[in-house]
């Protein structure tokens, strides 16, 4: 589901109620191999099918319907927000100063989007293997940390479209170095996220919400008062309804 551009796979794991269990199963895999394999195997099968399926679909939609596709992604993000608030409030009493974490992380997200849109990147695919390893490492943040989209991170590294094409064609010279960086990053950020959730649960989740809201601005299309603008608004509403319904499937 990470291929829903702008939607963090971590957020979806939180909504489906498996995020913390997923971290525990991976980090403590060898403590109970049979139990953890039983839990992780269907998840990884679903991930593999999703990667192969949605990369091709997204290539088509982003090329032919860019405004409507991005609008749906914005709606999906907004639809996830109520579930995140509900998740954090079931384990902690809401305190006003917690919203400061949301505001700060939101501003960081907005600033990063502004920099990404105003810094010129070379229009070339002539990247080094080190660049792909670092891209994979950074991509792991979006996979592990709820509220941070790895697709947006790949856009910042300038390799998102190239990555989608490589997935579609299984182009190993690009996928292998990215996978190496991804494995290293996943281990590091799983350890870090588990520490933050164990010791600063509410603060971490309110920060997640801020990053999630900030990620919207990288997708925001220029909506005009015409048919295209009207359909974009409808797509935002549709995306919101879909995202908001994820919690009911839990």
Protein backbone atom coordinates (compact mmCIF):
# COMPACT_ATOMS: atom_id res chain seq x y z
CA UNK A 1 0.00 0.00 0.00
CA UNK A 2 2.99 2.30 0.07
CA UNK A 3 2.38 2.93 -3.61
CA UNK A 4 -0.54 5.14 -2.75
CA UNK A 5 1.61 8.22 -3.34
CA UNK A 6 1.91 10.21 -0.09
CA UNK A 7 0.40 7.55 2.15
CA UNK A 8 2.79 6.01 4.64
CA UNK A 9 2.65 2.23 4.95
CA UNK A 10 3.33 2.78 8.65
CA UNK A 11 0.10 4.76 8.98
CA UNK A 12 -1.86 1.93 7.40
CA UNK A 13 -0.25 -0.56 9.80
CA UNK A 14 -1.33 1.65 12.70
CA UNK A 15 -4.88 1.88 11.37
CA UNK A 16 -5.10 -1.89 10.93
CA UNK A 17 -3.79 -2.34 14.46
CA UNK A 18 -0.63 -4.29 13.60
CA UNK A 19 2.13 -1.65 13.75
CA UNK A 20 3.62 -2.32 17.18
CA UNK A 21 3.14 -6.08 16.81
CA UNK A 22 4.92 -5.90 13.44
CA UNK A 23 7.91 -4.13 15.00
CA UNK A 24 8.06 -6.65 17.84
CA UNK A 25 7.83 -9.63 15.47
CA UNK A 26 10.72 -8.42 13.31
CA UNK A 27 13.00 -7.18 16.08
CA UNK A 28 12.41 -10.31 18.20
CA UNK A 29 12.13 -12.74 15.29
CA UNK A 30 14.46 -15.41 16.68
CA UNK A 31 12.82 -15.46 20.11
CA UNK A 32 9.76 -17.26 18.68
CA UNK A 33 10.42 -18.09 15.04
CA UNK A 34 7.30 -20.19 14.44
CA UNK A 35 4.92 -17.59 15.86
CA UNK A 36 6.60 -14.68 14.07
CA UNK A 37 6.73 -16.47 10.71
CA UNK A 38 3.02 -17.22 11.00
CA UNK A 39 2.33 -13.53 11.58
CA UNK A 40 4.80 -12.04 9.07
CA UNK A 41 4.46 -14.43 6.11
CA UNK A 42 0.99 -13.31 4.88
CA UNK A 43 2.01 -9.66 5.35
CA UNK A 44 5.11 -10.01 3.17
CA UNK A 45 3.13 -11.95 0.53
CA UNK A 46 0.63 -9.09 0.42
CA UNK A 47 3.45 -6.54 0.16
CA UNK A 48 5.00 -8.38 -2.78
CA UNK A 49 1.72 -8.58 -4.65
CA UNK A 50 0.98 -4.93 -3.91
CA UNK A 51 4.38 -3.73 -5.16
CA UNK A 52 4.08 -5.56 -8.48
CA UNK A 53 0.46 -4.56 -8.99
CA UNK A 54 0.34 -0.92 -7.89
CA UNK A 55 3.60 0.21 -9.50
CA UNK A 56 2.13 -0.43 -12.96
CA UNK A 57 -1.25 1.04 -12.07
CA UNK A 58 0.32 4.19 -10.62
CA UNK A 59 2.56 4.68 -13.63
CA UNK A 60 -0.57 4.74 -15.78
CA UNK A 61 -2.68 6.95 -13.48
CA UNK A 62 0.05 9.53 -12.78
CA UNK A 63 0.80 9.85 -16.49
CA UNK A 64 -2.81 10.08 -17.72
CA UNK A 65 -4.66 11.62 -14.71
CA UNK A 66 -2.05 13.46 -12.59
CA UNK A 67 -4.39 16.01 -10.95
CA UNK A 68 -7.11 13.52 -10.05
CA UNK A 69 -4.61 10.92 -8.82
CA UNK A 70 -2.79 13.36 -6.54
CA UNK A 71 -6.14 14.63 -5.24
CA UNK A 72 -7.17 11.13 -4.23
CA UNK A 73 -3.89 10.73 -2.36
CA UNK A 74 -4.53 14.00 -0.49
CA UNK A 75 -7.95 12.71 0.53
CA UNK A 76 -6.43 9.42 1.68
CA UNK A 77 -4.00 11.27 3.93
CA UNK A 78 -6.74 13.44 5.45
CA UNK A 79 -8.93 10.37 5.94
CA UNK A 80 -6.20 8.70 8.02
CA UNK A 81 -5.84 11.60 10.50
CA UNK A 82 -8.91 10.84 12.69
CA UNK A 83 -7.68 7.26 13.16
CA UNK A 84 -4.29 8.50 14.33
CA UNK A 85 -5.88 10.80 16.93
CA UNK A 86 -8.08 7.94 18.11
CA UNK A 87 -5.07 5.61 18.38
CA UNK A 88 -3.02 7.96 20.56
CA UNK A 89 -5.97 8.95 22.75
CA UNK A 90 -6.76 5.33 23.64
CA UNK A 91 -3.38 4.98 25.36
CA UNK A 92 -2.72 8.47 26.69
CA UNK A 93 -4.65 11.42 28.05
CA UNK A 94 -4.50 14.31 25.61
CA UNK A 95 -2.44 17.26 26.89
CA UNK A 96 -2.44 20.63 25.19
CA UNK A 97 1.34 20.85 24.93
CA UNK A 98 1.38 17.62 22.87
CA UNK A 99 -0.03 19.64 19.97
CA UNK A 100 3.28 21.53 19.89
CA UNK A 101 4.87 18.33 18.54
CA UNK A 102 2.25 18.27 15.78
CA UNK A 103 2.84 21.92 14.89
CA UNK A 104 6.63 21.60 14.81
CA UNK A 105 6.63 18.41 12.72
CA UNK A 106 4.01 19.95 10.41
CA UNK A 107 6.22 23.01 9.83
CA UNK A 108 9.24 20.78 9.18
CA UNK A 109 7.19 18.88 6.60
CA UNK A 110 5.99 22.07 4.91
CA UNK A 111 9.52 23.55 4.82
CA UNK A 112 10.94 20.37 3.29
CA UNK A 113 8.23 20.46 0.61
CA UNK A 114 8.97 24.13 -0.10
CA UNK A 115 12.68 23.41 -0.46
CA UNK A 116 11.96 20.44 -2.73
CA UNK A 117 9.81 22.58 -5.04
CA UNK A 118 12.28 25.47 -5.18
CA UNK A 119 15.60 23.63 -5.49
CA UNK A 120 16.48 22.64 -9.03
CA UNK A 121 17.42 19.03 -9.55
CA UNK A 122 19.30 17.85 -12.63
CA UNK A 123 16.92 16.25 -15.09
CA UNK A 124 18.99 13.11 -15.46
CA UNK A 125 19.01 9.50 -14.31
CA UNK A 126 22.81 9.38 -14.15
CA UNK A 127 22.96 8.59 -10.43
CA UNK A 128 25.70 6.61 -8.69
CA UNK A 129 25.19 3.35 -6.80
CA UNK A 130 25.88 5.25 -3.57
CA UNK A 131 22.99 7.60 -4.39
CA UNK A 132 20.65 4.61 -4.83
CA UNK A 133 21.86 3.07 -1.53
CA UNK A 134 21.23 6.37 0.28
CA UNK A 135 17.83 6.65 -1.41
CA UNK A 136 16.92 3.17 -0.16
CA UNK A 137 18.18 4.03 3.30
CA UNK A 138 16.05 7.20 3.40
CA UNK A 139 13.10 5.31 1.92
CA UNK A 140 13.12 3.04 4.97
CA UNK A 141 12.03 6.02 7.09
CA UNK A 142 8.71 6.09 5.26
CA UNK A 143 8.28 2.34 5.57
CA UNK A 144 9.05 2.19 9.30
CA UNK A 145 7.90 5.57 10.66
CA UNK A 146 4.12 6.13 10.48
CA UNK A 147 3.17 9.42 8.88
CA UNK A 148 6.27 9.75 6.70
CA UNK A 149 5.84 8.73 3.06
CA UNK A 150 8.73 6.94 1.40
CA UNK A 151 7.39 8.01 -1.98
CA UNK A 152 7.83 11.65 -1.01
CA UNK A 153 11.35 10.88 0.23
CA UNK A 154 12.18 9.26 -3.11
CA UNK A 155 10.86 12.36 -4.86
CA UNK A 156 13.27 14.47 -2.78
CA UNK A 157 16.12 12.22 -3.93
CA UNK A 158 14.91 12.56 -7.52
CA UNK A 159 14.49 8.82 -8.09
CA UNK A 160 10.75 8.20 -7.59
CA UNK A 161 9.76 7.78 -11.25
CA UNK A 162 12.92 5.79 -11.93
CA UNK A 163 12.15 3.57 -8.96
CA UNK A 164 8.60 2.89 -10.16
CA UNK A 165 9.89 2.03 -13.63
CA UNK A 166 12.54 -0.28 -12.16
CA UNK A 167 9.91 -2.09 -10.08
CA UNK A 168 7.69 -2.51 -13.14
CA UNK A 169 10.53 -3.99 -15.22
CA UNK A 170 12.42 -5.62 -12.28
CA UNK A 171 15.59 -3.70 -13.23
CA UNK A 172 18.10 -5.13 -10.73
CA UNK A 173 21.03 -2.66 -11.23
CA UNK A 174 18.85 -0.02 -9.53
CA UNK A 175 16.77 -2.23 -7.23
CA UNK A 176 19.70 -4.10 -5.61
CA UNK A 177 21.58 -1.03 -4.23
CA UNK A 178 18.28 0.50 -3.10
CA UNK A 179 17.37 -2.77 -1.37
CA UNK A 180 20.72 -2.82 0.45
CA UNK A 181 20.15 0.70 1.76
CA UNK A 182 16.56 -0.21 2.61
CA UNK A 183 17.58 -3.20 4.77
CA UNK A 184 20.15 -1.17 6.70
CA UNK A 185 17.73 1.70 7.23
CA UNK A 186 14.83 -0.52 8.27
CA UNK A 187 16.85 -2.13 11.06
CA UNK A 188 18.10 1.22 12.38
CA UNK A 189 14.75 3.01 12.24
CA UNK A 190 12.82 0.06 13.68
CA UNK A 191 15.09 0.18 16.73
CA UNK A 192 14.71 3.96 16.99
CA UNK A 193 10.93 3.94 16.53
CA UNK A 194 10.45 1.18 19.09
CA UNK A 195 12.49 3.18 21.60
CA UNK A 196 10.41 6.33 20.98
CA UNK A 197 7.10 4.47 21.23
CA UNK A 198 8.15 2.77 24.45
CA UNK A 199 9.35 5.97 26.10
CA UNK A 200 7.54 8.89 24.40
CA UNK A 201 4.36 7.36 22.95
CA UNK A 202 2.07 10.40 22.83
CA UNK A 203 4.78 12.83 21.69
CA UNK A 204 5.80 10.44 18.91
CA UNK A 205 2.26 10.00 17.64
CA UNK A 206 1.46 13.71 17.66
CA UNK A 207 4.65 14.25 15.63
CA UNK A 208 3.49 11.55 13.21
CA UNK A 209 0.24 13.45 12.69
CA UNK A 210 2.13 16.66 11.92
CA UNK A 211 4.39 14.98 9.35
CA UNK A 212 1.34 13.37 7.76
CA UNK A 213 -0.43 16.71 7.35
CA UNK A 214 2.74 18.36 6.05
CA UNK A 215 3.13 15.72 3.35
CA UNK A 216 -0.06 16.97 1.70
CA UNK A 217 1.66 20.04 0.29
CA UNK A 218 3.96 18.07 -1.98
CA UNK A 219 0.87 16.65 -3.68
CA UNK A 220 -1.35 19.74 -3.72
CA UNK A 221 -2.43 20.42 -7.32
CA UNK A 222 -3.23 23.87 -8.71
CA UNK A 223 -6.99 23.67 -8.52
CA UNK A 224 -8.88 26.03 -10.85
CA UNK A 225 -12.59 26.74 -11.12
CA UNK A 226 -13.19 24.48 -14.10
CA UNK A 227 -14.04 20.85 -14.82
CA UNK A 228 -10.53 19.73 -13.85
CA UNK A 229 -10.73 21.59 -10.54
CA UNK A 230 -14.18 20.19 -9.83
CA UNK A 231 -13.08 16.60 -10.47
CA UNK A 232 -9.99 17.16 -8.30
CA UNK A 233 -12.19 18.25 -5.38
CA UNK A 234 -14.43 15.21 -5.88
CA UNK A 235 -11.34 13.00 -5.87
CA UNK A 236 -10.17 14.55 -2.57
CA UNK A 237 -13.57 13.76 -1.04
CA UNK A 238 -13.48 10.21 -2.44
CA UNK A 239 -9.97 9.68 -1.09
CA UNK A 240 -11.02 10.98 2.34
CA UNK A 241 -13.93 8.55 2.50
CA UNK A 242 -11.69 5.63 1.51
CA UNK A 243 -8.97 6.59 4.00
CA UNK A 244 -11.50 7.10 6.79
CA UNK A 245 -13.00 3.67 6.12
CA UNK A 246 -9.69 1.84 6.70
CA UNK A 247 -10.25 1.92 10.47
CA UNK A 248 -13.54 0.06 10.11
CA UNK A 249 -11.67 -2.84 8.50
CA UNK A 250 -9.55 -3.26 11.61
